[in-house]
Amino acid sequence: MRTMNLNTLKTRFAPSPTGLIHLGNVRTALFNWLMAKSQQGHFLLRIEDTDQERSKTEYVQALEEDLSWLGLNWWQGTLDDGSQTPCMQSDRSAVYHDYYQKLEESGLAYPCFCSGTELEVSRKVQRASGRAPRYEGRCGFLGKEEVQAKLDQGLKPTLRFRVPRGETVEFEDLVRGTQKFASDEIGDFIIRRADGTPAFFFSNAIDDSLTGVTCVLRGEDHLTNTPRQLMLLQALKLRAPEYGHISMIVGDDGSPLSKRHGSRSVAELRQNGYLPNAVNNYLARLGHYYKDNQCMSLDELAAQFGASNLGRAPARYDVAQLDYWQKEVIAQIDVESLWLWMGEEVHSLVPLDKKEAFIDAVRPNIKLPHDALLWAHHLFAKMLDLQGDALQIVQQAGADFFKAAIEAVTAHPSDFKLLNKQIKETTGAKGRGLFQPLRIAMTGEHNGPEMSALLSLMGEERIRQRFEHCLEIIS
């Protein structure tokens, strides 16, 4: 059984399995993975599944698949408290119970019987008087007899942490520097729900400490949770990790990233054909500065990763940048991997002896597998269905142009420069009037791979058939 070095830096990713993970979630995982890797530390996975109604086993499996696909492998073995990774919070009820009991016995936690309606009325009154809404501690003054009487009535209380008054909670944020919070502005907060399940503030902090997590990078929306968790850990005499709160990802309008901005789950990106290293290179730079703008492996990204390079400004999602890194990865990937990525439909259209030539020709012109499939159809279909502008350009070129093209490809079946020169000399066509009808006749597209590469790839017979088809259209 693997055990963990107590002096090793440990980061973690602690998702709730209530849905597929999206870019914001996986960027948090990536940053924590890179932080751990940069210091030869450990990256832990913890499943925060205490919300039993919304947590689903299939989402646990899906997020593990997503992390593995991206190469974000988590440390597996025995943690500081003897638990195994990945750690499931639903297995730790007894641990949380013991710490609830400690807090209650020391007078630092108390049962709260206030209803949702009572709490909402209290918040409205506070807002109306210009005060920030917070729990005013009504149930904190109940005696033992009063508490027992309410329990005897069948009321199900929450458990609240008694926040010390008149204190300042101060910590050094790895991203945002010194942070200070007045305890009087926080109010006693719930650490156990009425159904007995732990609140996020509580289980999250307890597990970070007990499992030996030393560094947590998480979204800035958790910044105000930190003073609560630090007070809890201090009250229980447990070690607190360092915290760093990273900028949120926003859409082009500055609002939180959502599907309407084009955001997709990691599973959707994978299904659409995005490559893991493209996603990693994009997300690694979304809120983190890299001096090196080259496409890098995970290890290379980790070597240049540091909390000091994490930005405070919102990180703006830009699908064009994701596509840029996708093209960069495609430019670097080896032939066999790219061929496998293109898929079986491409394999069925492209002759095996043309595989490498096809990849070399279309590599600069593809972004996703369906682009490769499109080019496979264009280059190896028996005939093209020319319509719209493409048809018009062919018709404008005229019959004499394609008669000359047929003669040229017969004379120069493997040399595009000579083929092109002969057509030019025979017809007088030049510039767009020469290249555009040739390309459309051969591929059906206005732009695409280098024509010289296509000549040998498609072969004399197929190209002659394309030119003859154009001649038939015109006639």
Protein backbone atom coordinates (compact mmCIF):
# COMPACT_ATOMS: atom_id res chain seq x y z
CA MET A 1 0.00 0.00 0.00
CA ARG A 2 1.39 3.39 -0.96
CA THR A 3 1.71 5.92 1.84
CA MET A 4 2.28 9.62 1.51
CA ASN A 5 5.29 11.69 2.54
CA LEU A 6 4.03 14.07 5.20
CA ASN A 7 6.27 16.88 3.94
CA THR A 8 5.08 16.70 0.32
CA LEU A 9 3.03 19.49 -1.22
CA LYS A 10 -0.50 18.19 -1.76
CA THR A 11 -3.20 19.81 -3.85
CA ARG A 12 -6.66 18.48 -4.56
CA PHE A 13 -9.67 18.66 -6.82
CA ALA A 14 -12.95 18.20 -4.96
CA PRO A 15 -15.89 18.15 -7.39
CA SER A 16 -19.50 17.39 -6.55
CA PRO A 17 -20.78 14.66 -8.90
CA THR A 18 -24.03 16.40 -9.81
CA GLY A 19 -23.34 16.81 -13.54
CA LEU A 20 -20.68 16.71 -16.23
CA ILE A 21 -17.62 18.86 -15.52
CA HIS A 22 -17.26 22.01 -17.59
CA LEU A 23 -14.28 24.20 -18.41
CA GLY A 24 -14.38 26.16 -15.16
CA ASN A 25 -14.25 22.97 -13.09
CA VAL A 26 -11.55 21.31 -15.12
CA ARG A 27 -9.37 24.43 -15.14
CA THR A 28 -9.41 24.29 -11.33
CA ALA A 29 -8.33 20.65 -11.54
CA LEU A 30 -5.62 21.52 -14.06
CA PHE A 31 -4.17 24.37 -11.97
CA ASN A 32 -4.02 22.16 -8.88
CA TRP A 33 -2.41 19.35 -10.91
CA LEU A 34 0.17 21.74 -12.37
CA MET A 35 0.92 23.22 -8.94
CA ALA A 36 1.55 19.76 -7.49
CA LYS A 37 3.62 18.63 -10.45
CA SER A 38 5.72 21.81 -10.42
CA GLN A 39 6.95 20.95 -6.91
CA GLN A 40 7.05 17.15 -7.20
CA GLY A 41 3.97 16.98 -5.01
CA HIS A 42 0.73 14.98 -5.10
CA PHE A 43 -2.60 15.80 -6.71
CA LEU A 44 -5.55 14.27 -4.83
CA LEU A 45 -9.10 13.58 -5.99
CA ARG A 46 -11.94 13.86 -3.48
CA ILE A 47 -15.57 13.31 -4.41
CA GLU A 48 -17.83 15.64 -2.43
CA ASP A 49 -21.01 13.61 -2.72
CA THR A 50 -22.83 14.56 0.47
CA ASP A 51 -25.75 15.92 -1.61
CA GLN A 52 -27.29 12.48 -1.96
CA GLU A 53 -30.29 13.65 -4.03
CA ARG A 54 -28.17 15.17 -6.81
CA SER A 55 -24.98 13.10 -6.65
CA LYS A 56 -24.88 10.30 -9.23
CA THR A 57 -22.45 7.41 -9.67
CA GLU A 58 -22.40 7.96 -13.43
CA TYR A 59 -21.09 11.50 -12.88
CA VAL A 60 -18.26 10.16 -10.72
CA GLN A 61 -17.32 7.79 -13.53
CA ALA A 62 -17.63 10.57 -16.11
CA LEU A 63 -15.37 13.00 -14.25
CA GLU A 64 -12.74 10.30 -13.70
CA GLU A 65 -12.84 9.58 -17.44
CA ASP A 66 -12.51 13.31 -18.20
CA LEU A 67 -9.53 13.76 -15.89
CA SER A 68 -7.83 10.65 -17.25
CA TRP A 69 -8.41 11.79 -20.84
CA LEU A 70 -6.69 15.09 -20.04
CA GLY A 71 -3.79 13.29 -18.37
CA LEU A 72 -4.61 14.69 -14.91
CA ASN A 73 -3.90 11.50 -13.03
CA TRP A 74 -4.46 11.62 -9.30
CA TRP A 75 -2.34 10.08 -6.55
CA GLN A 76 -3.68 6.76 -5.31
CA GLY A 77 -2.82 5.27 -1.96
CA THR A 78 -3.28 5.89 1.77
CA LEU A 79 -3.85 9.47 2.92
CA ASP A 80 -2.73 11.04 6.19
CA ASP A 81 -5.90 9.96 8.01
CA GLY A 82 -5.76 6.40 6.69
CA SER A 83 -8.43 6.86 4.01
CA GLN A 84 -7.93 5.77 0.42
CA THR A 85 -7.98 7.85 -2.74
CA PRO A 86 -10.10 8.84 -4.44
CA CYS A 87 -11.82 9.83 -1.21
CA MET A 88 -15.65 9.78 -1.05
CA GLN A 89 -17.23 12.15 1.46
CA SER A 90 -20.29 9.92 1.76
CA ASP A 91 -18.03 7.36 3.47
CA ARG A 92 -16.91 9.80 6.15
CA SER A 93 -20.07 10.49 8.17
CA ALA A 94 -18.52 9.05 11.34
CA VAL A 95 -15.53 11.38 11.00
CA TYR A 96 -17.77 14.44 10.71
CA HIS A 97 -19.93 13.25 13.62
CA ASP A 98 -16.92 13.14 15.93
CA TYR A 99 -15.99 16.73 15.13
CA TYR A 100 -19.58 17.96 15.49
CA GLN A 101 -19.56 16.42 18.95
CA LYS A 102 -16.29 18.12 19.87
CA LEU A 103 -17.63 21.50 18.87
CA GLU A 104 -20.90 21.01 20.74
CA GLU A 105 -19.14 19.79 23.89
CA SER A 106 -16.91 22.86 23.88
CA GLY A 107 -19.85 25.21 23.33
CA LEU A 108 -18.63 26.20 19.85
CA ALA A 109 -21.65 24.77 18.03
CA TYR A 110 -25.38 24.70 18.83
CA PRO A 111 -28.64 23.36 17.36
CA CYS A 112 -30.73 25.88 15.42
CA PHE A 113 -34.49 25.41 15.03
CA CYS A 114 -35.21 28.54 12.99
CA SER A 115 -37.39 27.83 9.97
CA GLY A 116 -36.64 28.99 6.46
CA THR A 117 -39.47 31.53 6.71
CA GLU A 118 -38.11 32.98 9.96
CA LEU A 119 -34.64 33.32 8.47
CA GLU A 120 -35.96 35.04 5.34
CA VAL A 121 -37.97 37.55 7.42
CA SER A 122 -34.86 38.29 9.47
CA ARG A 123 -32.80 38.90 6.33
CA LYS A 124 -35.43 41.27 4.90
CA VAL A 125 -35.50 43.28 8.12
CA GLN A 126 -31.71 43.57 8.13
CA ARG A 127 -31.59 44.70 4.51
CA ALA A 128 -34.33 47.25 5.13
CA SER A 129 -32.29 48.77 7.96
CA GLY A 130 -29.14 48.93 5.82
CA ARG A 131 -27.40 46.00 7.45
CA ALA A 132 -25.78 43.03 5.73
CA PRO A 133 -27.96 39.95 6.30
CA ARG A 134 -26.50 37.41 8.72
CA TYR A 135 -27.81 35.04 11.34
CA GLU A 136 -28.26 36.93 14.60
CA GLY A 137 -27.74 33.95 16.89
CA ARG A 138 -31.26 33.56 18.26
CA CYS A 139 -30.95 29.82 18.95
CA GLY A 140 -27.48 30.27 20.41
CA PHE A 141 -29.10 31.37 23.69
CA LEU A 142 -31.41 28.39 24.13
CA GLY A 143 -30.96 26.40 27.35
CA LYS A 144 -30.67 22.61 27.46
CA GLU A 145 -34.31 22.23 28.53
CA GLU A 146 -35.52 24.42 25.67
CA VAL A 147 -33.45 22.47 23.17
CA GLN A 148 -34.76 19.14 24.47
CA ALA A 149 -38.35 20.39 24.37
CA LYS A 150 -38.01 21.28 20.71
CA LEU A 151 -36.41 17.94 19.94
CA ASP A 152 -39.28 16.19 21.76
CA GLN A 153 -41.67 18.04 19.42
CA GLY A 154 -39.95 16.28 16.51
CA LEU A 155 -38.22 19.40 15.20
CA LYS A 156 -35.07 18.71 13.16
CA PRO A 157 -32.41 21.34 13.87
CA THR A 158 -29.43 22.40 11.86
CA LEU A 159 -26.11 22.75 13.68
CA ARG A 160 -24.44 26.16 13.67
CA PHE A 161 -20.86 27.12 14.41
CA ARG A 162 -20.62 29.87 17.03
CA VAL A 163 -18.48 32.55 15.40
CA PRO A 164 -16.23 34.40 17.91
CA ARG A 165 -17.11 38.07 18.21
CA GLY A 166 -14.81 41.05 17.72
CA GLU A 167 -12.07 39.16 15.86
CA THR A 168 -10.32 39.64 12.54
CA VAL A 169 -9.61 36.61 10.41
CA GLU A 170 -6.49 37.28 8.35
CA PHE A 171 -4.70 35.06 5.84
CA GLU A 172 -2.31 35.36 2.93
CA ASP A 173 -4.00 34.38 -0.29
CA LEU A 174 -1.61 32.82 -2.83
CA VAL A 175 -3.20 34.87 -5.60
CA ARG A 176 -4.74 37.93 -3.95
CA GLY A 177 -2.34 38.67 -1.13
CA THR A 178 -3.39 39.64 2.39
CA GLN A 179 -7.08 39.15 3.14
CA LYS A 180 -8.93 40.36 6.25
CA PHE A 181 -12.46 39.58 7.39
CA ALA A 182 -14.28 40.84 10.49
CA SER A 183 -15.92 37.95 12.34
CA ASP A 184 -18.82 40.20 13.38
CA GLU A 185 -19.85 40.50 9.74
CA ILE A 186 -20.06 36.75 9.20
CA GLY A 187 -22.59 35.48 11.69
CA ASP A 188 -23.01 31.96 13.05
CA PHE A 189 -23.19 29.59 10.07
CA ILE A 190 -24.62 26.13 9.47
CA ILE A 191 -22.17 23.23 9.56
CA ARG A 192 -24.75 20.41 9.55
CA ARG A 193 -28.03 20.50 7.68
CA ALA A 194 -31.34 19.46 9.22
CA ASP A 195 -31.15 16.14 7.36
CA GLY A 196 -27.84 15.37 9.06
CA THR A 197 -25.58 15.94 6.07
CA PRO A 198 -22.55 18.22 6.44
CA ALA A 199 -22.49 21.70 4.95
CA PHE A 200 -19.75 22.48 2.42
CA PHE A 201 -17.90 24.79 4.82
CA PHE A 202 -17.47 21.99 7.30
CA SER A 203 -16.72 18.77 5.40
CA ASN A 204 -14.52 20.56 2.88
CA ALA A 205 -12.29 22.07 5.58
CA ILE A 206 -12.17 18.93 7.72
CA ASP A 207 -11.19 16.71 4.81
CA ASP A 208 -8.53 19.10 3.52
CA SER A 209 -6.87 19.06 6.92
CA LEU A 210 -7.21 15.37 7.75
CA THR A 211 -6.03 14.14 4.35
CA GLY A 212 -2.95 16.34 4.45
CA VAL A 213 -3.83 18.86 1.73
CA THR A 214 -1.32 21.71 1.95
CA CYS A 215 -2.42 23.95 -0.94
CA VAL A 216 -5.85 24.68 -2.43
CA LEU A 217 -6.41 26.63 -5.63
CA ARG A 218 -10.10 27.31 -6.15
CA GLY A 219 -12.47 29.85 -7.67
CA GLU A 220 -12.75 33.34 -6.26
CA ASP A 221 -16.39 32.62 -5.45
CA HIS A 222 -15.03 30.61 -2.50
CA LEU A 223 -13.03 33.52 -1.09
CA THR A 224 -15.66 34.40 1.54
CA ASN A 225 -15.82 30.73 2.58
CA THR A 226 -12.20 30.83 3.67
CA PRO A 227 -12.55 32.80 6.93
CA ARG A 228 -15.33 30.43 8.02
CA GLN A 229 -13.17 27.40 7.32
CA LEU A 230 -10.13 28.90 9.03
CA MET A 231 -12.19 29.60 12.16
CA LEU A 232 -13.47 26.01 12.13
CA LEU A 233 -10.02 24.51 11.79
CA GLN A 234 -8.62 26.78 14.49
CA ALA A 235 -11.44 25.81 16.86
CA LEU A 236 -10.71 22.12 16.24
CA LYS A 237 -6.94 22.62 16.42
CA LEU A 238 -6.50 21.27 12.90
CA ARG A 239 -3.91 22.41 10.37
CA ALA A 240 -5.21 24.66 7.58
CA PRO A 241 -3.92 24.55 4.01
CA GLU A 242 -2.79 27.60 2.07
CA TYR A 243 -5.50 29.01 -0.15
CA GLY A 244 -5.34 30.71 -3.52
CA HIS A 245 -8.46 32.05 -5.19
CA ILE A 246 -8.30 32.13 -8.97
CA SER A 247 -10.25 34.39 -11.28
CA MET A 248 -13.54 33.22 -12.69
CA ILE A 249 -14.01 32.41 -16.37
CA VAL A 250 -16.46 34.80 -18.02
CA GLY A 251 -18.09 35.06 -21.43
CA ASP A 252 -17.49 37.79 -23.98
CA ASP A 253 -20.09 39.96 -22.23
CA GLY A 254 -18.31 39.71 -18.87
CA SER A 255 -20.96 37.52 -17.25
CA PRO A 256 -20.20 34.07 -15.76
CA LEU A 257 -19.40 31.51 -18.44
CA SER A 258 -22.40 29.47 -19.56
CA LYS A 259 -23.67 27.46 -22.51
CA ARG A 260 -24.93 30.60 -24.22
CA HIS A 261 -21.28 31.71 -24.51
CA GLY A 262 -20.39 28.44 -26.23
CA SER A 263 -19.12 26.67 -23.12
CA ARG A 264 -19.20 22.90 -23.33
CA SER A 265 -18.52 20.04 -20.99
CA VAL A 266 -15.20 18.22 -21.25
CA ALA A 267 -17.11 15.17 -22.50
CA GLU A 268 -18.62 17.26 -25.33
CA LEU A 269 -15.21 18.60 -26.31
CA ARG A 270 -13.84 15.07 -26.42
CA GLN A 271 -16.81 13.79 -28.44
CA ASN A 272 -16.44 16.68 -30.91
CA GLY A 273 -12.81 15.77 -31.51
CA TYR A 274 -10.83 18.28 -29.48
CA LEU A 275 -7.49 16.88 -28.39
CA PRO A 276 -6.57 16.78 -24.68
CA ASN A 277 -3.34 18.73 -25.06
CA ALA A 278 -5.22 21.49 -26.91
CA VAL A 279 -7.64 21.82 -23.99
CA ASN A 280 -4.76 21.77 -21.49
CA ASN A 281 -2.74 24.41 -23.34
CA TYR A 282 -5.78 26.66 -23.65
CA LEU A 283 -6.95 26.35 -20.05
CA ALA A 284 -3.43 26.64 -18.62
CA ARG A 285 -3.22 30.14 -20.10
CA LEU A 286 -6.75 31.14 -19.10
CA GLY A 287 -5.86 33.14 -16.01
CA HIS A 288 -2.20 32.11 -15.81
CA TYR A 289 0.67 33.86 -17.60
CA TYR A 290 3.18 31.83 -19.58
CA LYS A 291 6.22 33.48 -21.07
CA ASP A 292 6.56 30.60 -23.54
CA ASN A 293 3.78 30.69 -26.14
CA GLN A 294 4.74 27.37 -27.70
CA CYS A 295 2.43 24.37 -27.46
CA MET A 296 3.68 22.39 -24.45
CA SER A 297 3.16 19.02 -22.83
CA LEU A 298 1.63 18.78 -19.36
CA ASP A 299 5.08 18.36 -17.81
CA GLU A 300 6.35 21.45 -19.65
CA LEU A 301 3.30 23.46 -18.56
CA ALA A 302 3.92 22.35 -14.96
CA ALA A 303 7.59 23.34 -15.08
CA GLN A 304 6.59 26.94 -15.83
CA PHE A 305 3.57 27.07 -13.51
CA GLY A 306 3.52 29.25 -10.41
CA ALA A 307 0.95 30.93 -8.17
CA SER A 308 2.68 34.28 -8.78
CA ASN A 309 1.64 34.03 -12.44
CA LEU A 310 -2.05 33.60 -11.65
CA GLY A 311 -4.07 36.68 -12.54
CA ARG A 312 -6.76 38.41 -10.51
CA ALA A 313 -8.75 39.77 -13.46
CA PRO A 314 -11.60 37.66 -14.87
CA ALA A 315 -10.42 35.19 -17.51
CA ARG A 316 -12.38 35.68 -20.72
CA TYR A 317 -13.44 32.55 -22.62
CA ASP A 318 -12.59 32.67 -26.31
CA VAL A 319 -13.37 29.63 -28.46
CA ALA A 320 -11.06 31.02 -31.17
CA GLN A 321 -8.14 30.55 -28.78
CA LEU A 322 -9.19 27.00 -28.03
CA ASP A 323 -9.30 26.36 -31.76
CA TYR A 324 -5.86 27.94 -32.14
CA TRP A 325 -4.34 25.45 -29.69
CA GLN A 326 -6.22 22.62 -31.39
CA LYS A 327 -4.52 23.52 -34.68
CA GLU A 328 -1.16 23.76 -32.91
CA VAL A 329 -1.52 20.27 -31.48
CA ILE A 330 -2.64 18.88 -34.86
CA ALA A 331 0.50 20.38 -36.41
CA GLN A 332 2.69 18.46 -33.93
CA ILE A 333 0.93 15.15 -33.43
CA ASP A 334 2.41 12.01 -34.98
CA VAL A 335 0.89 10.40 -38.07
CA GLU A 336 -0.52 7.29 -36.37
CA SER A 337 -2.21 9.26 -33.59
CA LEU A 338 -3.72 11.70 -36.07
CA TRP A 339 -4.93 8.85 -38.28
CA LEU A 340 -6.63 7.18 -35.31
CA TRP A 341 -8.21 10.52 -34.32
CA MET A 342 -9.64 11.01 -37.84
CA GLY A 343 -11.89 7.99 -37.37
CA GLU A 344 -13.14 4.95 -39.21
CA GLU A 345 -15.16 6.83 -41.85
CA VAL A 346 -11.99 8.53 -43.04
CA HIS A 347 -10.17 5.18 -42.98
CA SER A 348 -12.86 3.70 -45.22
CA LEU A 349 -12.47 6.46 -47.84
CA VAL A 350 -8.71 6.99 -47.94
CA PRO A 351 -6.67 4.15 -49.53
CA LEU A 352 -4.22 2.80 -46.98
CA ASP A 353 -1.25 3.44 -49.26
CA LYS A 354 -2.34 7.10 -49.43
CA LYS A 355 -2.65 7.52 -45.64
CA GLU A 356 0.54 9.48 -44.99
CA ALA A 357 0.18 11.58 -48.14
CA PHE A 358 -3.41 12.42 -47.17
CA ILE A 359 -2.38 13.44 -43.66
CA ASP A 360 0.50 15.56 -44.93
CA ALA A 361 -1.80 17.30 -47.40
CA VAL A 362 -4.76 18.09 -45.15
CA ARG A 363 -3.06 18.53 -41.75
CA PRO A 364 -2.89 22.37 -42.07
CA ASN A 365 -6.55 22.52 -43.12
CA ILE A 366 -8.30 20.53 -40.41
CA LYS A 367 -9.43 21.34 -36.89
CA LEU A 368 -11.79 18.49 -36.02
CA PRO A 369 -12.34 14.96 -37.33
CA HIS A 370 -15.30 16.04 -39.44
CA ASP A 371 -12.93 18.34 -41.35
CA ALA A 372 -10.77 15.34 -42.21
CA LEU A 373 -13.87 13.45 -43.28
CA LEU A 374 -14.91 16.36 -45.49
CA TRP A 375 -11.52 16.32 -47.24
CA ALA A 376 -11.60 12.55 -47.57
CA HIS A 377 -14.91 12.90 -49.44
CA HIS A 378 -13.61 15.80 -51.56
CA LEU A 379 -10.44 14.02 -52.60
CA PHE A 380 -11.60 10.41 -53.02
CA ALA A 381 -15.27 10.55 -54.02
CA LYS A 382 -15.92 9.47 -57.61
CA MET A 383 -17.59 12.77 -58.49
CA LEU A 384 -18.23 16.16 -56.88
CA ASP A 385 -21.62 17.87 -56.71
CA LEU A 386 -20.74 21.43 -57.65
CA GLN A 387 -23.31 24.06 -56.71
CA GLY A 388 -23.64 27.79 -56.10
CA ASP A 389 -20.49 29.89 -56.51
CA ALA A 390 -18.38 26.83 -57.28
CA LEU A 391 -20.60 25.88 -60.21
CA GLN A 392 -20.61 29.46 -61.48
CA ILE A 393 -16.80 29.70 -61.43
CA VAL A 394 -16.50 26.44 -63.39
CA GLN A 395 -19.01 27.65 -65.97
CA GLN A 396 -17.22 30.99 -66.32
CA ALA A 397 -13.90 29.22 -66.94
CA GLY A 398 -15.44 27.66 -70.03
CA ALA A 399 -15.10 24.47 -72.02
CA ASP A 400 -11.76 25.39 -73.60
CA PHE A 401 -10.23 25.77 -70.13
CA PHE A 402 -11.12 22.21 -69.11
CA LYS A 403 -10.16 20.74 -72.47
CA ALA A 404 -6.73 22.28 -71.89
CA ALA A 405 -6.73 20.94 -68.31
CA ILE A 406 -7.42 17.40 -69.53
CA GLU A 407 -4.54 17.62 -71.99
CA ALA A 408 -2.23 19.08 -69.31
CA VAL A 409 -2.91 16.40 -66.69
CA THR A 410 -2.31 13.72 -69.32
CA ALA A 411 1.01 15.32 -70.23
CA HIS A 412 2.11 16.12 -66.66
CA PRO A 413 0.30 13.73 -64.26
CA SER A 414 2.77 14.24 -61.41
CA ASP A 415 4.09 17.81 -61.85
CA PHE A 416 1.62 20.55 -60.96
CA LYS A 417 3.93 23.38 -62.00
CA LEU A 418 4.19 22.03 -65.55
CA LEU A 419 0.47 21.22 -65.62
CA ASN A 420 -0.36 24.72 -64.51
CA LYS A 421 2.09 26.27 -67.00
CA GLN A 422 0.60 24.36 -69.93
CA ILE A 423 -2.97 25.44 -69.07
CA LYS A 424 -1.83 29.04 -68.71
CA GLU A 425 -0.04 29.02 -72.08
CA THR A 426 -2.94 27.30 -73.85
CA THR A 427 -5.80 29.40 -72.44
CA GLY A 428 -4.16 32.66 -71.36
CA ALA A 429 -5.77 32.27 -67.93
CA LYS A 430 -3.82 33.61 -64.97
CA GLY A 431 -4.16 34.48 -61.28
CA ARG A 432 -7.57 33.67 -59.78
CA GLY A 433 -8.90 32.88 -63.23
CA LEU A 434 -6.40 30.02 -63.41
CA PHE A 435 -6.12 28.68 -59.87
CA GLN A 436 -9.72 29.01 -58.72
CA PRO A 437 -11.44 26.86 -61.38
CA LEU A 438 -8.61 24.31 -61.11
CA ARG A 439 -9.00 23.99 -57.35
CA ILE A 440 -12.79 23.84 -57.47
CA ALA A 441 -12.73 21.26 -60.25
CA MET A 442 -10.35 19.07 -58.26
CA THR A 443 -11.74 19.52 -54.73
CA GLY A 444 -15.05 21.39 -54.83
CA GLU A 445 -13.60 24.02 -52.45
CA HIS A 446 -12.30 27.57 -52.93
CA ASN A 447 -9.40 26.97 -50.52
CA GLY A 448 -7.53 24.02 -49.18
CA PRO A 449 -4.35 21.96 -49.31
CA GLU A 450 -1.45 22.68 -51.63
CA MET A 451 -2.39 21.77 -55.20
CA SER A 452 0.96 20.13 -55.87
CA ALA A 453 0.32 17.71 -53.00
CA LEU A 454 -3.17 16.94 -54.28
CA LEU A 455 -1.93 15.99 -57.74
CA SER A 456 0.04 12.96 -56.55
CA LEU A 457 -2.49 12.16 -53.82
CA MET A 458 -5.55 12.04 -56.11
CA GLY A 459 -3.80 10.56 -59.14
CA GLU A 460 -4.12 11.23 -62.86
CA GLU A 461 -7.26 9.18 -63.45
CA ARG A 462 -9.37 10.78 -60.73
CA ILE A 463 -8.29 14.32 -61.66
CA ARG A 464 -9.01 13.71 -65.34
CA GLN A 465 -12.48 12.46 -64.35
CA ARG A 466 -13.05 15.67 -62.38
CA PHE A 467 -12.03 17.83 -65.34
CA GLU A 468 -14.23 15.79 -67.70
CA HIS A 469 -17.15 16.19 -65.29
CA CYS A 470 -16.70 19.97 -65.40
CA LEU A 471 -16.65 19.83 -69.19
CA GLU A 472 -19.94 17.92 -69.14
CA ILE A 473 -21.49 20.50 -66.81
CA ILE A 474 -20.55 23.33 -69.15
CA SER A 475 -21.64 21.49 -72.29
